[in-house]
Every structure is written in C-alpha cells, then in structure tokens.
Amino acid sequence: MDSLFVNREPEYKNAIPDTGYPIAVKDLFLYAGRQNVSGIRHALSGIGRKRLRRQVEQTKLENALLSFENKKVLVVGLAKTGLAVARFLKDRGARVTATDLKKKDELGSCVQEALAMGVSLKLGEHKSESFTGADFIVVSPGVPHNITPLGAARRAGIPVIGEVELASRYIDEPIVAVTGTNGKTTTTSLIGKMLQDSGRKVFVGGNIGDPLIDHLNSGADADVIVAEISSFQLDTIKSFRPKVGVLLNITEDHLDRYNDFNDYARSKGRLFKNQESTDFAVLNGMDPAVCGLESIIAGQKLYFNIDISGTHPVSEDRHGVVIRGKEMICSLPGKAPVILSLAKLRLKGEHNLENAAAATLAALAAGADRAGIQTALDTYEGLHHRLEFVRDVNGIEYYNDSKATNVDAVKRSLESFTSPVILIMGGRDKGGSYALLKELIRKRAKGLIAIGEAREKILSTLGGLTHSEGTRTLTDAVRLAHKGAAPGDVVLLSPGCSSFDMFIDYAERGEEFCKAVSGLMIDD
C-alpha cells in the first residue's frame, strides 16, 4: 500500500477536493481502500465525506491511544473530571493543556492542582488554535459538545472524546452503566450496595461522585464497575460498551442543550450503541420513549415494571421483574426466578420502586446473589438531597429534594405525598415546560413559592392554581413556607431547575435549605 501511495501521490493530491479541513493524503488512500482516483472522489462525495471524516478521526484516535508519550492532549473543562483526566494523561507521558471559560480566580484550587501536575492552562476563553493543534481532545461532561472550537477541531480531523470513553479503553472489569432522566444516582448507588453486600469489590462512580477515570488513577482492584452516565457523557462515546446497561426513563430535560426531545432521547439510547448479544439491557417497559429504542438494542432485554397489567408484562420469553404487593419476582434468561421482599424498603414513592426493581435486575445480571440484594433492599437509606426528610417543626415535615432538577422529578416527588404540600421551586430554567405539573399542583399543593431566575416563568404557568408567591432567596422561601404551613403539612424543596443561578450545584442548594430549616424555632 505504501509503495502504491508514494508512486501515485501527486495524482491523489489532485483528486482531493477542498474539504475545509486538513487530512493526510495517506489517510484518504487507506480509507478508500482502492488503488484508483475515482474511489477517493466517491468517498469524498456527500455522505461518503462524512464517513471519511469519522473514519480518519477514528484511525487517528486509535493511533493516539496506543501511547500517550509526548502526545499533545487538550482537556476541555478544568473541574473534578478535568483534573482526573489530566492526572491520568500526565502519568503516562502526555503533554497536557487544559482550557476553561472560567478565569483563574473562579476555579479555586483546581488551578494550583493543575499547575502542580505540569499542566499548561488556557483560561477565560477557548482559543481555536488550542483545539486544532492537539493530537486529541478530552471533553468534560459539563462542556457542551457542540461549541464552535470543538466543531473546528472535528473538521480538522482531531479526535474528540469524553472522559468516560477514555477511561473505558483501559478498564478491564465489567461495567454496569446507568442512565435516564431521573433516578440515576439512587439506582447507581443501590446497585453498588447490592454487589458489595454480595461480597464483590465495587467501584461506584461516573456522574456520581468520582469520575470513572479515578478508578484507573487509584490503581485499586475491583470486580465490577458501576457508573452513572449522563447524556452529555454519552454524546462523546465511541467504543464504550457496558456489560449491563440500565435506561430508567426518558422525559423532557436539558432542552437548553439539545435541539428537541427526540435529539435528547437518541443521546440516551447511545448507551446501548456498542452492546452485543451477550450483554444485558435493563429497560423501563412502561416508558414509550425507552420502548421506542428496543429495535436498536442487541443485548438481552430485561424489563422492570411496577404494574403487572402493563403493556409489557414479564413472560417466559420476556424477562425482567414484576411487583406483587410486597414481593418482587425477578426472571433472568436461563435462571430460576428470584423472589425478594420489599417489606423493609425505606425508599419513598412509586418511582423508587421502579429504581429498586431496575437496580435488582442489573445487580443480578452483574453477578450479585439473592442474600446480598435482599440486605441492600432492607438497609439502603437513600441519598442526601433526594426526597430526604430534614426535620419536623410543629408537626410540619420538611423534605429536601434539591436533586430534582427537572419537571418530571418534581412530579414524581409530589406523587409521593398525600398530605398538603407547600412546594418551593425555581432556579435556572432548562427549557422544559412546567405545564406537566398543573394537575398535581391543583390536587396536592397548598402553596407554591418560586425562586431564582425561573420564578416568573413558573408563576405565570402555575401561579393561578394555588396560593403562590415569589421571593429572591431560598432562606426567605423557607420562612414564607413555614408561616403558611399548618401541622400535618409538608414543605418540599423540589426545584425543577438547575442550581447555577444561585449556587455552585444542587448539593449547595440542598445544604442551604437544610440550614434554613434548622434555623426555624419550634414555637414559631
């Protein structure tokens, strides 16, 4: 091939049209797989040109990942994930530059940590030359994958991947990956506990806690990796292949980052992109958007469904789990049914029954035993900031659901209560509609208090359905809610928005709520 290429190089150069991005002639020749000029012309026409670009990018990526020694790698986004990626690459001899739109004084200790590792920094802006001059680029999950400099890099044939893709190339252990609009963190941590209680060594990370690549940085052993994976992380995968993939649900979210709902749903479906027939796909059998992806999934399908009369019941040829009263019956291919008790389950709400069912199927598929799963179901206490009971003040119960960052999450939380609710909502709007909550607000909300950037939009959509007010701070919202509540009521922080207008993240918002509730006097 090389000799043919060398002998005919001038002819091939003349055959290549102006594509707007530099690609080596040899790469074009190897991709076309032909010894004639017309083959390359065909490859560069229409769809062929896009396929060519992807093929060249993939070839360059594979070559870059063979050895990091002296490779120029750009890490986009200098936060926890970016630092973990930089550490992994530096330890393997790469020349790492990190870029972030935030300035030095906004990034805190991240700057010093990066400099201590020998990472070059480009802060306050994204410079195109940093992107087009790299051998490959690793994008942190908080960075939109369609920003202009990344587009320029892709046109230049520079491979662009995410941290999850990079980590998965070097992880030998089987991966259980969990995605969905809501319930990811609860389900991921519950799967991890089920496996740990079954005697397995488990690394739990991804979009929850530690980045996936920190497992490699730590050098620790594990039997199984359990990872929460966001749609943003799935947007930048190429070969990532979980042994068990879990898709909990797909409802409106992140429409500020995606063209429309279908675009977002396709992103979630990428979880199963590289699965094979020996892998498992755990699916919500009652979610139309999830079921719409069934035809593209090659793995063995396992369904969870809390309604045994649903459209996708478990049968001899359709495996999964059904719930009958306080029992959960699980069926996996080639195995006897496993029956588990839900009598001691501490998680509140029907949505958490779904999460428990999905977690059980995934854990069984990953090798957990019945005793370990039962122990986890009996003892798991849930997560901080996720429908978390904070305090009872004068017979009024306060719940922190700060992690509810989309409208569907608020809906699920409201459905968990029969007592009158004073709902605190708001933050930075994510592009979805609040109209989904109208019926529940009418039925269950004694009051509505809106905060943050989205408060006017929330009040204009929902404000006429119950007693409603707007306020600037979360502390003021807690005081207003307490003033309007009576014994037997619930005050619920369930924002339905991101936290970035007022707080660093949802955790800081939740802590502020808990602090404000703790400051209430019993006899107020």
Protein backbone atom coordinates (compact mmCIF):
# COMPACT_ATOMS: atom_id res chain seq x y z
CA MET A 1 0.00 0.00 0.00
CA ASP A 2 2.76 2.43 0.92
CA SER A 3 4.63 1.93 -2.34
CA LEU A 4 1.48 2.46 -4.37
CA PHE A 5 0.74 5.57 -2.34
CA VAL A 6 4.22 7.01 -2.85
CA ASN A 7 4.24 6.34 -6.57
CA ARG A 8 0.87 7.99 -7.16
CA GLU A 9 0.93 10.75 -4.53
CA PRO A 10 0.65 13.71 -6.95
CA GLU A 11 -2.36 12.13 -8.67
CA TYR A 12 -4.14 11.53 -5.34
CA LYS A 13 -3.45 15.06 -4.19
CA ASN A 14 -5.12 16.41 -7.32
CA ALA A 15 -8.13 14.13 -6.74
CA ILE A 16 -8.91 15.54 -3.31
CA PRO A 17 -11.34 18.48 -3.29
CA ASP A 18 -11.12 21.33 -0.83
CA THR A 19 -12.84 19.84 2.21
CA GLY A 20 -12.12 22.69 4.59
CA TYR A 21 -10.04 20.53 6.90
CA PRO A 22 -6.52 19.14 6.57
CA ILE A 23 -6.37 15.35 6.20
CA ALA A 24 -3.28 13.44 5.21
CA VAL A 25 -3.42 12.03 1.68
CA LYS A 26 -2.28 8.68 3.00
CA ASP A 27 -5.25 8.56 5.39
CA LEU A 28 -7.61 9.17 2.50
CA PHE A 29 -5.98 6.45 0.45
CA LEU A 30 -6.14 3.90 3.26
CA TYR A 31 -9.75 4.73 3.98
CA ALA A 32 -10.88 4.45 0.37
CA GLY A 33 -9.20 1.05 0.19
CA ARG A 34 -8.87 1.40 -3.55
CA GLN A 35 -5.99 1.93 -5.92
CA ASN A 36 -7.75 4.46 -8.09
CA VAL A 37 -8.59 8.14 -8.03
CA SER A 38 -12.33 7.63 -8.56
CA GLY A 39 -12.54 5.67 -5.30
CA ILE A 40 -11.34 8.66 -3.32
CA ARG A 41 -13.60 11.02 -5.25
CA HIS A 42 -16.56 8.77 -4.39
CA ALA A 43 -15.52 8.61 -0.73
CA LEU A 44 -15.43 12.39 -0.56
CA SER A 45 -18.86 12.95 -2.09
CA GLY A 46 -21.96 13.52 0.06
CA ILE A 47 -22.35 11.01 2.87
CA GLY A 48 -19.04 9.47 1.93
CA ARG A 49 -17.24 12.62 3.01
CA LYS A 50 -18.82 12.46 6.47
CA ARG A 51 -17.97 8.80 6.80
CA LEU A 52 -14.45 9.53 5.67
CA ARG A 53 -14.05 12.22 8.30
CA ARG A 54 -15.30 9.86 11.02
CA GLN A 55 -13.03 7.06 9.79
CA VAL A 56 -9.95 9.29 9.70
CA GLU A 57 -10.77 10.64 13.18
CA GLN A 58 -11.19 7.09 14.48
CA THR A 59 -7.88 6.00 12.93
CA LYS A 60 -6.09 8.96 14.47
CA LEU A 61 -7.69 8.27 17.84
CA GLU A 62 -6.65 4.61 17.83
CA ASN A 63 -3.09 5.64 16.98
CA ALA A 64 -3.06 8.31 19.69
CA LEU A 65 -4.30 5.89 22.34
CA LEU A 66 -1.58 3.34 21.64
CA SER A 67 0.83 5.52 23.58
CA PHE A 68 0.41 8.87 25.31
CA GLU A 69 4.13 9.63 25.38
CA ASN A 70 4.64 13.22 24.14
CA LYS A 71 1.12 13.38 22.70
CA LYS A 72 -0.43 16.85 22.80
CA VAL A 73 -3.78 16.45 24.57
CA LEU A 74 -6.28 19.20 25.26
CA VAL A 75 -8.59 18.75 28.25
CA VAL A 76 -11.70 20.93 27.98
CA GLY A 77 -13.16 21.84 31.37
CA LEU A 78 -10.98 22.17 34.47
CA ALA A 79 -13.07 20.83 37.33
CA LYS A 80 -13.05 17.48 39.13
CA THR A 81 -13.29 15.41 35.96
CA GLY A 82 -10.82 17.56 34.04
CA LEU A 83 -8.24 17.27 36.79
CA ALA A 84 -8.69 13.48 36.97
CA VAL A 85 -8.21 13.19 33.20
CA ALA A 86 -5.14 15.43 33.28
CA ARG A 87 -3.61 13.32 36.06
CA PHE A 88 -4.20 10.10 34.11
CA LEU A 89 -2.62 11.53 30.95
CA LYS A 90 0.34 13.21 32.67
CA ASP A 91 1.19 9.99 34.50
CA ARG A 92 1.51 8.37 31.07
CA GLY A 93 3.77 10.96 29.50
CA ALA A 94 1.30 13.18 27.65
CA ARG A 95 1.79 16.92 27.16
CA VAL A 96 -1.48 18.22 28.62
CA THR A 97 -3.13 21.59 28.18
CA ALA A 98 -6.41 22.40 29.97
CA THR A 99 -8.81 25.08 28.83
CA ASP A 100 -11.79 26.54 30.67
CA LEU A 101 -14.07 29.53 30.09
CA LYS A 102 -13.78 30.39 33.76
CA LYS A 103 -10.96 32.64 34.88
CA LYS A 104 -8.22 31.74 37.34
CA ASP A 105 -9.94 33.28 40.36
CA GLU A 106 -13.18 31.40 39.57
CA LEU A 107 -11.56 27.96 39.53
CA GLY A 108 -10.15 27.96 43.05
CA SER A 109 -7.79 25.14 43.98
CA CYS A 110 -8.15 23.47 40.55
CA VAL A 111 -5.59 25.89 39.12
CA GLN A 112 -2.88 25.06 41.65
CA GLU A 113 -3.53 21.33 41.34
CA ALA A 114 -3.20 21.50 37.57
CA LEU A 115 -0.03 23.58 37.68
CA ALA A 116 1.49 21.21 40.24
CA MET A 117 0.98 18.38 37.74
CA GLY A 118 2.69 20.34 34.98
CA VAL A 119 -0.47 21.07 33.04
CA SER A 120 -0.49 24.15 30.78
CA LEU A 121 -3.55 26.34 31.28
CA LYS A 122 -5.62 28.41 28.85
CA LEU A 123 -8.27 30.14 30.99
CA GLY A 124 -11.01 32.69 30.43
CA GLU A 125 -11.65 31.70 26.81
CA HIS A 126 -11.39 28.81 24.36
CA LYS A 127 -8.76 29.54 21.71
CA SER A 128 -9.27 27.72 18.42
CA GLU A 129 -5.54 27.06 17.98
CA SER A 130 -5.52 25.11 21.26
CA PHE A 131 -8.13 22.77 19.78
CA THR A 132 -6.80 22.38 16.25
CA GLY A 133 -3.23 21.95 17.48
CA ALA A 134 -3.96 18.93 19.67
CA ASP A 135 -3.40 15.26 18.84
CA PHE A 136 -6.72 14.56 20.52
CA ILE A 137 -9.20 16.27 22.85
CA VAL A 138 -10.94 15.06 26.01
CA VAL A 139 -14.16 16.89 26.92
CA SER A 140 -15.53 17.10 30.47
CA PRO A 141 -19.27 16.30 30.83
CA GLY A 142 -20.25 19.86 31.76
CA VAL A 143 -18.97 21.22 28.42
CA PRO A 144 -21.48 21.31 25.52
CA HIS A 145 -20.15 19.02 22.79
CA ASN A 146 -21.25 21.41 20.03
CA ILE A 147 -19.24 24.53 20.95
CA THR A 148 -17.54 26.24 17.99
CA PRO A 149 -13.90 25.29 18.79
CA LEU A 150 -14.84 21.60 19.02
CA GLY A 151 -16.53 21.86 15.64
CA ALA A 152 -13.35 23.35 14.19
CA ALA A 153 -11.30 20.53 15.72
CA ARG A 154 -13.56 17.86 14.26
CA ARG A 155 -13.37 19.46 10.81
CA ALA A 156 -9.59 19.38 11.17
CA GLY A 157 -9.77 15.65 11.84
CA ILE A 158 -8.83 15.97 15.52
CA PRO A 159 -10.39 13.14 17.58
CA VAL A 160 -12.77 14.36 20.31
CA ILE A 161 -13.78 12.00 23.13
CA GLY A 162 -15.13 12.24 26.67
CA GLU A 163 -13.68 11.08 29.96
CA VAL A 164 -15.95 8.00 30.03
CA GLU A 165 -14.73 6.86 26.62
CA LEU A 166 -11.09 7.41 27.58
CA ALA A 167 -11.45 5.54 30.87
CA SER A 168 -13.36 2.63 29.34
CA ARG A 169 -10.49 1.94 26.92
CA TYR A 170 -8.30 0.95 29.89
CA ILE A 171 -10.81 -0.61 32.27
CA ASP A 172 -10.73 -4.41 32.25
CA GLU A 173 -13.59 -5.02 34.70
CA PRO A 174 -17.22 -5.42 33.52
CA ILE A 175 -19.15 -2.15 33.64
CA VAL A 176 -22.74 -1.61 34.80
CA ALA A 177 -23.83 1.75 33.37
CA VAL A 178 -26.98 3.59 34.46
CA THR A 179 -28.66 6.44 32.62
CA GLY A 180 -32.10 8.05 32.48
CA THR A 181 -33.64 11.44 33.12
CA ASN A 182 -34.39 10.69 36.77
CA GLY A 183 -33.32 8.14 39.35
CA LYS A 184 -29.78 7.58 38.06
CA THR A 185 -27.93 8.36 41.26
CA THR A 186 -30.26 6.37 43.53
CA THR A 187 -30.19 3.36 41.20
CA THR A 188 -26.42 3.50 40.70
CA SER A 189 -25.65 3.65 44.40
CA LEU A 190 -28.20 0.91 45.16
CA ILE A 191 -26.65 -1.41 42.54
CA GLY A 192 -23.25 -0.76 44.10
CA LYS A 193 -24.58 -1.66 47.55
CA MET A 194 -26.25 -4.83 46.23
CA LEU A 195 -22.97 -6.00 44.73
CA GLN A 196 -20.95 -5.01 47.81
CA ASP A 197 -23.39 -6.83 50.09
CA SER A 198 -22.89 -9.86 47.82
CA GLY A 199 -19.17 -9.80 48.62
CA ARG A 200 -17.98 -8.09 45.44
CA LYS A 201 -15.32 -5.38 45.22
CA VAL A 202 -17.03 -2.47 43.52
CA PHE A 203 -16.02 0.94 42.21
CA VAL A 204 -19.03 3.27 42.07
CA GLY A 205 -18.52 6.47 40.11
CA GLY A 206 -19.08 8.26 36.83
CA ASN A 207 -21.56 11.12 37.06
CA ILE A 208 -21.99 10.25 40.75
CA GLY A 209 -19.02 11.05 43.00
CA ASP A 210 -15.67 10.11 41.47
CA PRO A 211 -15.04 10.25 37.71
CA LEU A 212 -14.70 6.84 36.08
CA ILE A 213 -11.06 7.52 35.28
CA ASP A 214 -10.30 7.85 39.01
CA HIS A 215 -10.60 4.07 39.22
CA LEU A 216 -7.55 3.89 36.97
CA ASN A 217 -5.77 6.66 38.85
CA SER A 218 -6.24 4.82 42.14
CA GLY A 219 -4.78 1.54 40.95
CA ALA A 220 -7.31 -0.30 43.14
CA ASP A 221 -8.76 -3.69 42.25
CA ALA A 222 -12.46 -4.20 41.57
CA ASP A 223 -14.72 -7.00 40.42
CA VAL A 224 -17.32 -4.69 38.91
CA ILE A 225 -17.56 -1.03 37.92
CA VAL A 226 -20.92 0.68 38.49
CA ALA A 227 -21.22 4.04 36.76
CA GLU A 228 -23.86 6.72 36.47
CA ILE A 229 -23.69 8.06 32.91
CA SER A 230 -25.30 11.30 31.76
CA SER A 231 -26.50 12.10 28.26
CA PHE A 232 -23.63 14.59 27.95
CA GLN A 233 -21.15 11.77 28.60
CA LEU A 234 -22.90 9.51 26.10
CA ASP A 235 -22.59 12.18 23.42
CA THR A 236 -18.82 11.66 23.29
CA ILE A 237 -18.55 7.85 23.44
CA LYS A 238 -17.22 5.80 20.56
CA SER A 239 -16.47 2.25 21.74
CA PHE A 240 -17.84 2.38 25.32
CA ARG A 241 -19.63 -0.92 25.95
CA PRO A 242 -21.28 -1.69 29.29
CA LYS A 243 -21.84 -5.33 30.16
CA VAL A 244 -25.12 -4.18 31.74
CA GLY A 245 -26.82 -1.01 30.55
CA VAL A 246 -29.76 0.46 32.50
CA LEU A 247 -32.16 3.01 30.98
CA LEU A 248 -34.59 4.18 33.66
CA ASN A 249 -36.78 6.69 31.82
CA ILE A 250 -36.69 9.49 29.26
CA THR A 251 -38.64 12.67 29.92
CA GLU A 252 -38.07 16.32 28.97
CA ASP A 253 -34.76 17.66 30.23
CA HIS A 254 -31.72 19.59 29.03
CA LEU A 255 -33.63 21.17 26.15
CA ASP A 256 -31.25 24.08 26.59
CA ARG A 257 -28.53 21.71 25.30
CA TYR A 258 -30.43 19.60 22.73
CA ASN A 259 -32.36 20.54 19.60
CA ASP A 260 -35.52 18.79 20.80
CA PHE A 261 -36.80 15.86 22.86
CA ASN A 262 -36.02 13.30 20.15
CA ASP A 263 -32.43 14.50 20.00
CA TYR A 264 -32.17 14.06 23.77
CA ALA A 265 -33.75 10.58 23.60
CA ARG A 266 -31.29 9.50 20.92
CA SER A 267 -28.47 10.60 23.20
CA LYS A 268 -29.78 8.32 25.97
CA GLY A 269 -30.06 5.45 23.50
CA ARG A 270 -26.34 5.66 22.76
CA LEU A 271 -25.80 3.71 26.00
CA PHE A 272 -26.53 0.53 24.01
CA LYS A 273 -24.65 1.56 20.86
CA ASN A 274 -21.84 -1.00 21.22
CA GLN A 275 -23.57 -3.77 23.14
CA GLU A 276 -23.59 -7.33 21.81
CA SER A 277 -25.93 -10.28 22.30
CA THR A 278 -24.08 -11.45 25.43
CA ASP A 279 -24.70 -8.12 27.19
CA PHE A 280 -27.80 -7.01 29.11
CA ALA A 281 -30.13 -4.03 28.65
CA VAL A 282 -32.37 -3.19 31.63
CA LEU A 283 -35.33 -1.18 30.34
CA ASN A 284 -38.40 0.62 31.64
CA GLY A 285 -41.17 -1.36 29.95
CA MET A 286 -43.76 1.36 30.62
CA ASP A 287 -41.83 4.29 29.16
CA PRO A 288 -42.76 4.91 25.50
CA ALA A 289 -39.51 6.70 24.69
CA VAL A 290 -37.47 3.85 26.17
CA CYS A 291 -39.52 1.20 24.37
CA GLY A 292 -39.01 3.12 21.14
CA LEU A 293 -35.33 2.18 21.31
CA GLU A 294 -35.92 -1.59 21.64
CA SER A 295 -35.24 -2.37 17.97
CA ILE A 296 -31.70 -0.97 18.06
CA ILE A 297 -30.63 -2.86 21.20
CA ALA A 298 -28.58 -6.01 20.60
CA GLY A 299 -28.25 -7.03 24.25
CA GLN A 300 -30.58 -9.34 26.19
CA LYS A 301 -33.53 -7.20 27.32
CA LEU A 302 -34.71 -7.22 30.94
CA TYR A 303 -37.81 -5.18 31.82
CA PHE A 304 -38.81 -3.60 35.09
CA ASN A 305 -42.44 -2.65 35.52
CA ILE A 306 -44.33 -1.92 38.75
CA ASP A 307 -47.69 -2.51 37.02
CA ILE A 308 -48.19 -6.23 36.27
CA SER A 309 -51.10 -5.36 33.97
CA GLY A 310 -48.87 -3.11 31.88
CA THR A 311 -48.26 -3.34 28.16
CA HIS A 312 -45.01 -5.28 28.61
CA PRO A 313 -45.64 -8.00 31.22
CA VAL A 314 -42.88 -10.44 32.05
CA SER A 315 -43.43 -13.85 30.45
CA GLU A 316 -41.46 -16.97 29.52
CA ASP A 317 -39.84 -15.20 26.60
CA ARG A 318 -39.82 -11.70 28.14
CA HIS A 319 -37.60 -11.49 31.19
CA GLY A 320 -37.47 -8.96 34.00
CA VAL A 321 -39.29 -8.12 37.21
CA VAL A 322 -42.85 -7.62 38.40
CA ILE A 323 -44.04 -6.43 41.80
CA ARG A 324 -46.94 -8.07 43.57
CA GLY A 325 -47.73 -6.39 46.87
CA LYS A 326 -44.57 -6.53 48.98
CA GLU A 327 -42.83 -9.09 46.76
CA MET A 328 -40.60 -8.62 43.73
CA ILE A 329 -40.27 -11.57 41.33
CA CYS A 330 -37.23 -11.46 39.05
CA SER A 331 -36.68 -13.59 35.95
CA LEU A 332 -33.40 -13.74 34.01
CA PRO A 333 -32.70 -15.92 30.95
CA GLY A 334 -31.67 -19.45 31.89
CA LYS A 335 -32.07 -18.89 35.64
CA ALA A 336 -34.71 -19.79 38.21
CA PRO A 337 -36.91 -16.89 39.36
CA VAL A 338 -35.62 -14.89 42.33
CA ILE A 339 -38.19 -13.65 44.85
CA LEU A 340 -37.34 -10.69 47.09
CA SER A 341 -39.21 -8.87 49.84
CA LEU A 342 -39.96 -5.14 49.75
CA ALA A 343 -41.43 -5.10 53.26
CA LYS A 344 -38.47 -3.21 54.74
CA LEU A 345 -37.74 -0.92 51.77
CA ARG A 346 -37.10 2.58 53.13
CA LEU A 347 -37.27 4.49 49.84
CA LYS A 348 -40.34 6.72 49.49
CA GLY A 349 -42.55 6.86 46.39
CA GLU A 350 -43.55 4.61 43.49
CA HIS A 351 -40.69 5.93 41.38
CA ASN A 352 -38.30 4.45 43.92
CA LEU A 353 -39.98 1.04 43.50
CA GLU A 354 -39.01 1.36 39.83
CA ASN A 355 -35.46 2.28 40.81
CA ALA A 356 -35.27 -0.69 43.19
CA ALA A 357 -36.57 -3.05 40.50
CA ALA A 358 -34.10 -1.76 37.91
CA ALA A 359 -31.23 -1.99 40.38
CA THR A 360 -32.16 -5.58 41.28
CA LEU A 361 -32.18 -6.71 37.64
CA ALA A 362 -28.85 -5.00 36.94
CA ALA A 363 -27.25 -6.44 40.08
CA LEU A 364 -28.44 -9.97 39.26
CA ALA A 365 -27.11 -9.63 35.70
CA ALA A 366 -23.77 -8.43 37.12
CA GLY A 367 -23.42 -11.39 39.49
CA ALA A 368 -24.97 -10.29 42.80
CA ASP A 369 -26.65 -13.00 44.89
CA ARG A 370 -30.12 -13.04 46.40
CA ALA A 371 -28.93 -12.58 50.00
CA GLY A 372 -26.82 -9.53 49.14
CA ILE A 373 -29.63 -7.92 47.16
CA GLN A 374 -32.13 -8.53 49.98
CA THR A 375 -29.76 -7.00 52.54
CA ALA A 376 -29.36 -3.91 50.37
CA LEU A 377 -33.11 -3.53 49.85
CA ASP A 378 -33.67 -3.78 53.60
CA THR A 379 -30.96 -1.34 54.69
CA TYR A 380 -30.47 1.24 51.91
CA GLU A 381 -31.44 4.65 53.25
CA GLY A 382 -31.43 6.75 50.11
CA LEU A 383 -29.36 9.76 49.14
CA HIS A 384 -28.66 13.17 50.54
CA HIS A 385 -30.73 15.83 48.68
CA ARG A 386 -33.09 13.25 47.11
CA LEU A 387 -36.50 13.37 48.81
CA GLU A 388 -34.60 13.50 52.09
CA PHE A 389 -36.50 14.06 55.33
CA VAL A 390 -34.90 17.02 57.13
CA ARG A 391 -36.94 17.84 60.20
CA ASP A 392 -40.38 18.03 61.81
CA VAL A 393 -41.21 21.50 63.16
CA ASN A 394 -44.53 21.86 64.98
CA GLY A 395 -45.96 18.91 63.05
CA ILE A 396 -44.77 20.26 59.69
CA GLU A 397 -42.44 17.92 57.79
CA TYR A 398 -39.60 19.37 55.68
CA TYR A 399 -38.13 17.45 52.74
CA ASN A 400 -35.00 18.30 50.75
CA ASP A 401 -35.30 17.23 47.11
CA SER A 402 -32.69 19.61 45.71
CA LYS A 403 -31.51 16.98 43.23
CA ALA A 404 -34.87 17.25 41.42
CA THR A 405 -33.53 19.43 38.61
CA ASN A 406 -36.26 18.79 36.01
CA VAL A 407 -40.05 18.90 35.91
CA ASP A 408 -40.57 15.13 35.82
CA ALA A 409 -38.55 14.78 39.03
CA VAL A 410 -40.83 17.31 40.74
CA LYS A 411 -43.87 15.36 39.51
CA ARG A 412 -42.52 12.12 40.98
CA SER A 413 -41.81 13.83 44.30
CA LEU A 414 -45.28 15.38 44.56
CA GLU A 415 -46.81 11.98 43.82
CA SER A 416 -45.01 10.60 46.88
CA PHE A 417 -47.14 12.66 49.31
CA THR A 418 -50.80 12.53 50.30
CA SER A 419 -50.51 15.41 52.80
CA PRO A 420 -50.94 19.04 51.63
CA VAL A 421 -47.64 20.31 50.18
CA ILE A 422 -46.11 23.77 50.12
CA LEU A 423 -43.74 23.48 47.16
CA ILE A 424 -40.57 25.55 46.75
CA MET A 425 -39.48 25.60 43.09
CA GLY A 426 -37.09 27.52 40.90
CA GLY A 427 -33.54 28.15 39.79
CA ARG A 428 -32.11 28.31 36.28
CA ASP A 429 -34.63 27.26 33.64
CA LYS A 430 -33.62 24.31 31.42
CA GLY A 431 -36.04 24.84 28.56
CA GLY A 432 -38.81 22.41 29.53
CA SER A 433 -42.48 23.09 30.23
CA TYR A 434 -43.87 23.42 33.76
CA ALA A 435 -47.38 22.68 32.48
CA LEU A 436 -46.86 18.96 33.25
CA LEU A 437 -47.34 19.86 36.94
CA LYS A 438 -50.71 21.63 36.63
CA GLU A 439 -52.94 18.77 37.71
CA LEU A 440 -50.72 17.82 40.65
CA ILE A 441 -50.45 21.43 41.79
CA ARG A 442 -54.26 21.65 41.81
CA LYS A 443 -54.62 18.39 43.77
CA ARG A 444 -51.71 18.41 46.19
CA ALA A 445 -50.12 21.85 46.52
CA LYS A 446 -51.44 24.03 49.33
CA GLY A 447 -48.96 26.67 48.22
CA LEU A 448 -46.21 27.43 45.72
CA ILE A 449 -43.14 29.59 46.33
CA ALA A 450 -40.94 30.34 43.30
CA ILE A 451 -37.29 31.44 43.49
CA GLY A 452 -34.39 32.16 41.17
CA GLU A 453 -34.21 33.11 37.53
CA ALA A 454 -37.17 30.92 36.58
CA ARG A 455 -39.61 32.25 39.18
CA GLU A 456 -41.60 34.48 36.80
CA LYS A 457 -41.98 31.67 34.26
CA ILE A 458 -43.06 29.24 36.99
CA LEU A 459 -45.57 31.69 38.45
CA SER A 460 -47.02 32.54 35.03
CA THR A 461 -47.62 28.83 34.33
CA LEU A 462 -48.63 27.53 37.77
CA GLY A 463 -49.28 30.55 39.96
CA GLY A 464 -53.05 30.70 39.40
CA LEU A 465 -53.60 27.12 40.57
CA THR A 466 -52.84 27.61 44.29
CA HIS A 467 -51.71 30.32 46.68
CA SER A 468 -48.40 31.44 45.12
CA GLU A 469 -45.60 33.86 45.90
CA GLY A 470 -42.17 34.68 44.54
CA THR A 471 -39.07 35.51 46.56
CA ARG A 472 -35.40 36.08 45.87
CA THR A 473 -33.66 33.80 48.35
CA LEU A 474 -34.12 30.21 49.44
CA THR A 475 -33.96 31.22 53.11
CA ASP A 476 -36.85 33.66 52.57
CA ALA A 477 -38.77 30.89 50.80
CA VAL A 478 -38.38 28.59 53.82
CA ARG A 479 -39.65 31.32 56.14
CA LEU A 480 -42.65 32.01 53.90
CA ALA A 481 -43.45 28.31 53.68
CA HIS A 482 -43.23 27.91 57.46
CA LYS A 483 -45.50 30.88 58.01
CA GLY A 484 -48.15 29.43 55.68
CA ALA A 485 -47.93 25.80 56.82
CA ALA A 486 -50.03 24.02 59.43
CA PRO A 487 -49.48 20.79 61.38
CA GLY A 488 -49.79 17.83 59.00
CA ASP A 489 -48.44 19.78 56.00
CA VAL A 490 -45.26 19.06 54.06
CA VAL A 491 -42.80 21.73 52.93
CA LEU A 492 -40.94 20.37 49.91
CA LEU A 493 -37.92 21.83 48.14
CA SER A 494 -38.15 20.30 44.68
CA PRO A 495 -36.78 22.95 42.31
CA GLY A 496 -37.35 21.51 38.82
CA CYS A 497 -34.43 23.68 37.67
CA SER A 498 -30.66 23.68 37.77
CA SER A 499 -28.98 25.47 40.67
CA PHE A 500 -26.40 27.51 38.79
CA ASP A 501 -28.15 30.88 39.05
CA MET A 502 -27.70 30.98 42.86
CA PHE A 503 -25.49 28.07 43.91
CA ILE A 504 -22.42 26.07 42.88
CA ASP A 505 -24.53 22.93 42.48
CA TYR A 506 -27.66 21.17 43.73
CA ALA A 507 -25.79 19.98 46.85
CA GLU A 508 -25.03 23.53 47.99
CA ARG A 509 -28.67 24.44 47.35
CA GLY A 510 -29.81 21.48 49.45
CA GLU A 511 -27.46 22.38 52.28
CA GLU A 512 -28.78 25.94 52.28
CA PHE A 513 -32.32 24.60 52.57
CA CYS A 514 -31.38 22.31 55.46
CA LYS A 515 -29.61 25.18 57.20
CA ALA A 516 -32.67 27.40 56.86
CA VAL A 517 -34.96 24.65 58.18
CA SER A 518 -32.61 24.02 61.10
CA GLY A 519 -32.88 27.71 61.99
CA LEU A 520 -36.66 27.56 62.42
CA MET A 521 -37.85 27.74 66.02
CA ILE A 522 -40.16 25.01 67.33
CA ASP A 523 -42.61 27.56 68.75
CA ASP A 524 -42.55 29.99 65.81
